[in-house]
């Protein structure tokens, strides 16, 4: 056997010995239980029932500014004029949405002509008649819609949000 062949044979033995040692280490590591200590999330998951307005405050085609679930989460109530998914009120046409774009957090504006929320940053558009579904742009998530109810006096209450609010780690019920 030549000197070069002996070196290759020795390199193979070292490699196989090291691989066996690594495999044994992995096997032992998977057998020893390790308790994870996760920190509690800082985001709200128990939504308050907040009064956002009254049906008399709303005018068809105009956005009514609100905040929900806290002061750092701007949104709007809309009276769309026709029954829509998630709509409340006598006509099922009142909906509420976050006005922060789920893509990069730009403030959204309401376009009454086509009933969409529009982002000036990367041009995402969200259809308010289809539950905030994205119809154009860079966003990868639909617009967060409020879960609303109307009481006997016409007061509109928000009781949750159906999507993740921008900038939060966890807030979906």
Protein backbone atom coordinates (compact mmCIF):
# COMPACT_ATOMS: atom_id res chain seq x y z
CA UNK A 1 0.00 0.00 0.00
CA UNK A 2 1.37 3.41 -0.90
CA UNK A 3 1.76 6.24 1.58
CA UNK A 4 -1.10 8.19 -0.04
CA UNK A 5 -3.50 5.24 0.27
CA UNK A 6 -2.67 4.91 4.00
CA UNK A 7 -3.48 8.61 4.54
CA UNK A 8 -6.83 8.29 2.74
CA UNK A 9 -7.68 5.18 4.77
CA UNK A 10 -6.78 6.99 8.04
CA UNK A 11 -8.90 10.03 6.98
CA UNK A 12 -11.88 7.77 6.34
CA UNK A 13 -11.53 6.14 9.77
CA UNK A 14 -11.38 9.53 11.48
CA UNK A 15 -14.42 10.76 9.56
CA UNK A 16 -16.47 7.65 10.37
CA UNK A 17 -15.40 7.76 14.01
CA UNK A 18 -16.37 11.43 14.26
CA UNK A 19 -19.71 10.77 12.54
CA UNK A 20 -20.45 7.94 14.98
CA UNK A 21 -19.60 10.19 17.92
CA UNK A 22 -21.89 12.95 16.56
CA UNK A 23 -24.75 10.51 16.02
CA UNK A 24 -24.40 9.25 19.59
CA UNK A 25 -24.45 12.83 20.87
CA UNK A 26 -27.63 13.60 18.94
CA UNK A 27 -29.28 10.45 20.29
CA UNK A 28 -28.43 11.37 23.88
CA UNK A 29 -29.57 14.98 23.41
CA UNK A 30 -32.99 13.87 22.17
CA UNK A 31 -33.46 11.57 25.16
CA UNK A 32 -32.78 14.20 27.82
CA UNK A 33 -35.93 16.28 28.35
CA UNK A 34 -35.41 20.02 28.43
CA UNK A 35 -38.09 22.24 29.89
CA UNK A 36 -38.75 25.35 27.83
CA UNK A 37 -39.54 28.52 29.71
CA UNK A 38 -41.33 30.76 27.22
CA UNK A 39 -42.05 34.34 28.14
CA UNK A 40 -45.74 35.30 28.07
CA UNK A 41 -46.83 37.23 24.98
CA UNK A 42 -47.24 40.97 25.32
CA UNK A 43 -50.07 41.24 22.79
CA UNK A 44 -53.74 41.31 23.80
CA UNK A 45 -55.81 38.22 22.98
CA UNK A 46 -58.76 38.91 25.28
CA UNK A 47 -60.58 41.69 23.48
CA UNK A 48 -62.65 44.17 25.40
CA UNK A 49 -66.15 44.97 24.25
CA UNK A 50 -65.77 48.63 23.32
CA UNK A 51 -68.48 51.01 22.16
CA UNK A 52 -67.26 52.58 18.91
CA UNK A 53 -70.26 54.71 18.01
CA UNK A 54 -73.94 54.66 17.15
CA UNK A 55 -75.65 53.85 13.87
CA UNK A 56 -76.83 57.48 13.73
CA UNK A 57 -73.14 58.57 13.59
CA UNK A 58 -72.61 56.78 10.27
CA UNK A 59 -73.31 58.14 6.79
CA UNK A 60 -73.19 55.93 3.69
CA UNK A 61 -69.92 56.40 1.82
CA UNK A 62 -68.09 58.13 4.69
CA UNK A 63 -65.52 56.62 7.02
CA UNK A 64 -66.15 57.12 10.75
CA UNK A 65 -62.81 57.08 12.62
CA UNK A 66 -62.44 54.83 15.68
CA UNK A 67 -59.71 53.06 17.66
CA UNK A 68 -59.83 49.38 18.61
CA UNK A 69 -58.76 47.31 20.56
CA UNK A 70 -56.64 50.10 22.10
CA UNK A 71 -55.54 53.66 21.42
CA UNK A 72 -52.62 52.46 19.26
CA UNK A 73 -54.91 50.73 16.72
CA UNK A 74 -56.74 53.19 14.44
CA UNK A 75 -59.70 52.02 12.42
CA UNK A 76 -62.96 52.98 10.74
CA UNK A 77 -66.63 52.08 10.77
CA UNK A 78 -68.33 52.07 7.36
CA UNK A 79 -71.96 52.01 6.27
CA UNK A 80 -71.72 50.40 2.84
CA UNK A 81 -75.38 50.54 1.78
CA UNK A 82 -75.78 46.83 1.04
CA UNK A 83 -75.63 43.59 3.05
CA UNK A 84 -72.03 42.30 3.26
CA UNK A 85 -70.15 39.47 5.02
CA UNK A 86 -69.58 40.39 8.67
CA UNK A 87 -71.97 43.33 8.37
CA UNK A 88 -74.22 44.29 11.28
CA UNK A 89 -77.15 46.59 11.83
CA UNK A 90 -80.67 46.48 10.43
CA UNK A 91 -79.38 46.29 6.84
CA UNK A 92 -76.27 44.17 7.58
CA UNK A 93 -74.16 46.87 5.94
CA UNK A 94 -72.06 48.22 8.83
CA UNK A 95 -68.47 46.96 9.02
CA UNK A 96 -65.29 48.04 10.77
CA UNK A 97 -61.65 47.69 9.79
CA UNK A 98 -58.17 48.54 10.99
CA UNK A 99 -56.70 51.44 8.99
CA UNK A 100 -53.10 50.27 9.29
CA UNK A 101 -51.83 48.37 6.25
CA UNK A 102 -50.86 44.81 7.22
CA UNK A 103 -47.88 44.96 4.84
CA UNK A 104 -45.71 47.77 6.26
CA UNK A 105 -47.99 49.74 8.58
CA UNK A 106 -48.85 52.68 6.33
CA UNK A 107 -52.12 54.51 7.17
CA UNK A 108 -54.95 53.48 4.85
CA UNK A 109 -57.56 55.76 3.32
CA UNK A 110 -61.12 54.90 2.31
CA UNK A 111 -62.18 55.27 -1.32
CA UNK A 112 -65.98 55.53 -1.37
CA UNK A 113 -66.20 55.17 -5.17
CA UNK A 114 -65.07 51.54 -5.18
CA UNK A 115 -65.47 50.83 -1.44
CA UNK A 116 -61.82 49.94 -0.86
CA UNK A 117 -59.18 50.83 1.70
CA UNK A 118 -56.01 51.97 -0.10
CA UNK A 119 -52.37 52.09 0.97
CA UNK A 120 -50.16 54.95 -0.29
CA UNK A 121 -46.96 53.05 0.52
CA UNK A 122 -47.01 50.01 -1.76
CA UNK A 123 -50.47 50.40 -3.31
CA UNK A 124 -52.26 47.53 -1.59
CA UNK A 125 -56.05 47.71 -1.89
CA UNK A 126 -58.60 45.96 0.29
CA UNK A 127 -62.25 45.33 -0.66
CA UNK A 128 -64.52 46.44 2.20
CA UNK A 129 -67.53 44.62 0.72
CA UNK A 130 -65.63 41.31 0.83
CA UNK A 131 -64.46 41.34 4.44
CA UNK A 132 -61.27 43.32 3.79
CA UNK A 133 -59.92 40.88 1.21
CA UNK A 134 -56.79 42.13 -0.53
CA UNK A 135 -57.43 42.81 -4.21
CA UNK A 136 -54.13 44.40 -5.21
CA UNK A 137 -50.63 45.17 -3.94
CA UNK A 138 -47.81 43.90 -1.77
CA UNK A 139 -49.70 42.84 1.36
CA UNK A 140 -49.77 39.12 2.17
CA UNK A 141 -52.74 39.25 4.50
CA UNK A 142 -56.28 40.59 4.36
CA UNK A 143 -57.26 43.72 6.23
CA UNK A 144 -58.19 43.05 9.88
CA UNK A 145 -61.96 43.33 10.29
CA UNK A 146 -63.71 44.06 13.57
CA UNK A 147 -66.30 41.66 14.95
CA UNK A 148 -69.20 44.01 15.62
CA UNK A 149 -72.59 43.92 17.29
CA UNK A 150 -75.35 46.53 17.53
CA UNK A 151 -77.50 46.79 20.65
CA UNK A 152 -81.15 47.83 20.89
CA UNK A 153 -80.19 51.54 21.21
CA UNK A 154 -78.13 51.43 18.00
CA UNK A 155 -74.77 51.50 19.80
CA UNK A 156 -72.05 49.69 17.86
CA UNK A 157 -69.64 47.53 19.86
CA UNK A 158 -66.43 45.87 18.68
CA UNK A 159 -65.69 42.52 20.34
CA UNK A 160 -62.68 41.20 18.47
CA UNK A 161 -60.55 41.32 15.33
CA UNK A 162 -60.35 38.53 12.75
CA UNK A 163 -56.74 39.06 11.52
CA UNK A 164 -53.38 39.99 12.98
CA UNK A 165 -52.98 43.74 13.54
CA UNK A 166 -49.81 45.17 12.05
CA UNK A 167 -46.86 45.31 14.44
CA UNK A 168 -48.25 42.79 16.92
CA UNK A 169 -46.95 39.30 17.56
CA UNK A 170 -50.25 37.73 18.50
CA UNK A 171 -53.74 39.10 18.73
CA UNK A 172 -56.04 36.81 16.76
CA UNK A 173 -58.70 35.06 18.84
